[in-house]
């Protein structure tokens, strides 16, 4: 049973229980109504969290792509600096 169906069924039972309170426990109607409200609120909250997770996944992908680009550019810069140091006569610390 889907949450929405369960919520609706609980609300229907709560309505019946309130109308027939002498045949059911005195708080049954209130308990059923509260349960339905909580389920409905939780479903709404879960949907909101799922949207936020998707948003964060997109941001995570962008950050991973940016990190990969920085790593690639850093490696290229290190390689250029190494080549330049060889072309300039080797170790920069040779004069020490």
Protein backbone atom coordinates (compact mmCIF):
# COMPACT_ATOMS: atom_id res chain seq x y z
CA UNK A 1 0.00 0.00 0.00
CA UNK A 2 1.39 3.39 -0.95
CA UNK A 3 1.80 6.05 1.72
CA UNK A 4 -0.97 8.17 0.23
CA UNK A 5 -3.36 5.22 0.24
CA UNK A 6 -2.43 4.41 3.82
CA UNK A 7 -2.89 8.02 4.89
CA UNK A 8 -6.32 8.13 3.28
CA UNK A 9 -7.34 4.80 4.84
CA UNK A 10 -6.18 5.92 8.28
CA UNK A 11 -8.13 9.14 7.94
CA UNK A 12 -11.26 7.25 6.91
CA UNK A 13 -10.88 4.93 9.90
CA UNK A 14 -10.30 7.93 12.15
CA UNK A 15 -13.49 9.55 10.90
CA UNK A 16 -15.44 6.32 11.50
CA UNK A 17 -13.89 5.88 14.94
CA UNK A 18 -14.84 9.42 15.97
CA UNK A 19 -18.42 8.87 14.82
CA UNK A 20 -18.58 5.55 16.70
CA UNK A 21 -16.53 6.41 19.73
CA UNK A 22 -18.63 4.24 22.04
CA UNK A 23 -17.63 1.16 20.05
CA UNK A 24 -13.90 1.85 19.93
CA UNK A 25 -11.20 2.95 22.39
CA UNK A 26 -11.72 6.60 23.19
CA UNK A 27 -8.45 7.82 21.68
CA UNK A 28 -8.44 5.60 18.58
CA UNK A 29 -9.77 8.31 16.27
CA UNK A 30 -7.23 10.85 17.48
CA UNK A 31 -4.42 8.31 17.26
CA UNK A 32 -5.35 7.32 13.72
CA UNK A 33 -5.59 10.95 12.62
CA UNK A 34 -2.22 11.74 14.18
CA UNK A 35 -0.66 8.70 12.51
CA UNK A 36 -2.02 9.78 9.13
CA UNK A 37 -0.71 13.33 9.64
CA UNK A 38 2.74 12.08 10.63
CA UNK A 39 2.96 9.76 7.62
CA UNK A 40 1.90 12.57 5.30
CA UNK A 41 4.44 14.97 6.84
CA UNK A 42 7.21 12.39 6.69
CA UNK A 43 6.45 11.66 3.04
CA UNK A 44 6.67 15.37 2.24
CA UNK A 45 9.92 15.67 4.18
CA UNK A 46 11.39 12.61 2.44
CA UNK A 47 10.53 14.07 -0.97
CA UNK A 48 12.24 17.33 0.00
CA UNK A 49 15.34 15.45 1.18
CA UNK A 50 15.46 13.45 -2.05
CA UNK A 51 15.47 16.69 -4.06
CA UNK A 52 18.28 18.04 -1.89
CA UNK A 53 20.28 14.81 -2.36
CA UNK A 54 19.95 15.11 -6.15
CA UNK A 55 21.11 18.73 -5.96
CA UNK A 56 24.13 17.70 -3.87
CA UNK A 57 24.95 14.87 -6.27
CA UNK A 58 25.10 17.39 -9.09
CA UNK A 59 27.37 19.65 -7.06
CA UNK A 60 29.55 16.67 -6.12
CA UNK A 61 29.95 15.76 -9.79
CA UNK A 62 30.97 19.34 -10.62
CA UNK A 63 33.49 19.37 -7.76
CA UNK A 64 35.01 16.04 -8.86
CA UNK A 65 35.35 17.34 -12.42
CA UNK A 66 36.99 20.55 -11.16
CA UNK A 67 39.37 18.57 -8.92
CA UNK A 68 40.36 16.35 -11.84
CA UNK A 69 41.07 19.42 -13.97
CA UNK A 70 43.18 21.00 -11.22
CA UNK A 71 45.13 17.75 -10.79
CA UNK A 72 45.76 17.53 -14.54
CA UNK A 73 46.88 21.15 -14.77
CA UNK A 74 49.10 20.72 -11.71
CA UNK A 75 50.75 17.65 -13.24
CA UNK A 76 51.33 19.54 -16.50
CA UNK A 77 52.82 22.49 -14.62
CA UNK A 78 55.14 20.23 -12.63
CA UNK A 79 56.25 18.51 -15.83
CA UNK A 80 56.95 21.86 -17.53
CA UNK A 81 58.92 23.06 -14.52
CA UNK A 82 60.93 19.83 -14.49
CA UNK A 83 61.72 20.12 -18.19
CA UNK A 84 62.70 23.77 -17.76
CA UNK A 85 65.00 22.90 -14.87
CA UNK A 86 66.75 20.29 -17.04
CA UNK A 87 67.06 22.75 -19.91
CA UNK A 88 68.54 25.35 -17.55
CA UNK A 89 71.35 23.09 -16.47
CA UNK A 90 69.84 20.63 -14.09
CA UNK A 91 69.39 20.93 -10.37
CA UNK A 92 68.64 24.42 -9.06
CA UNK A 93 70.46 23.55 -5.85
CA UNK A 94 73.78 22.77 -7.55
CA UNK A 95 75.25 26.12 -6.45
CA UNK A 96 74.59 25.39 -2.74
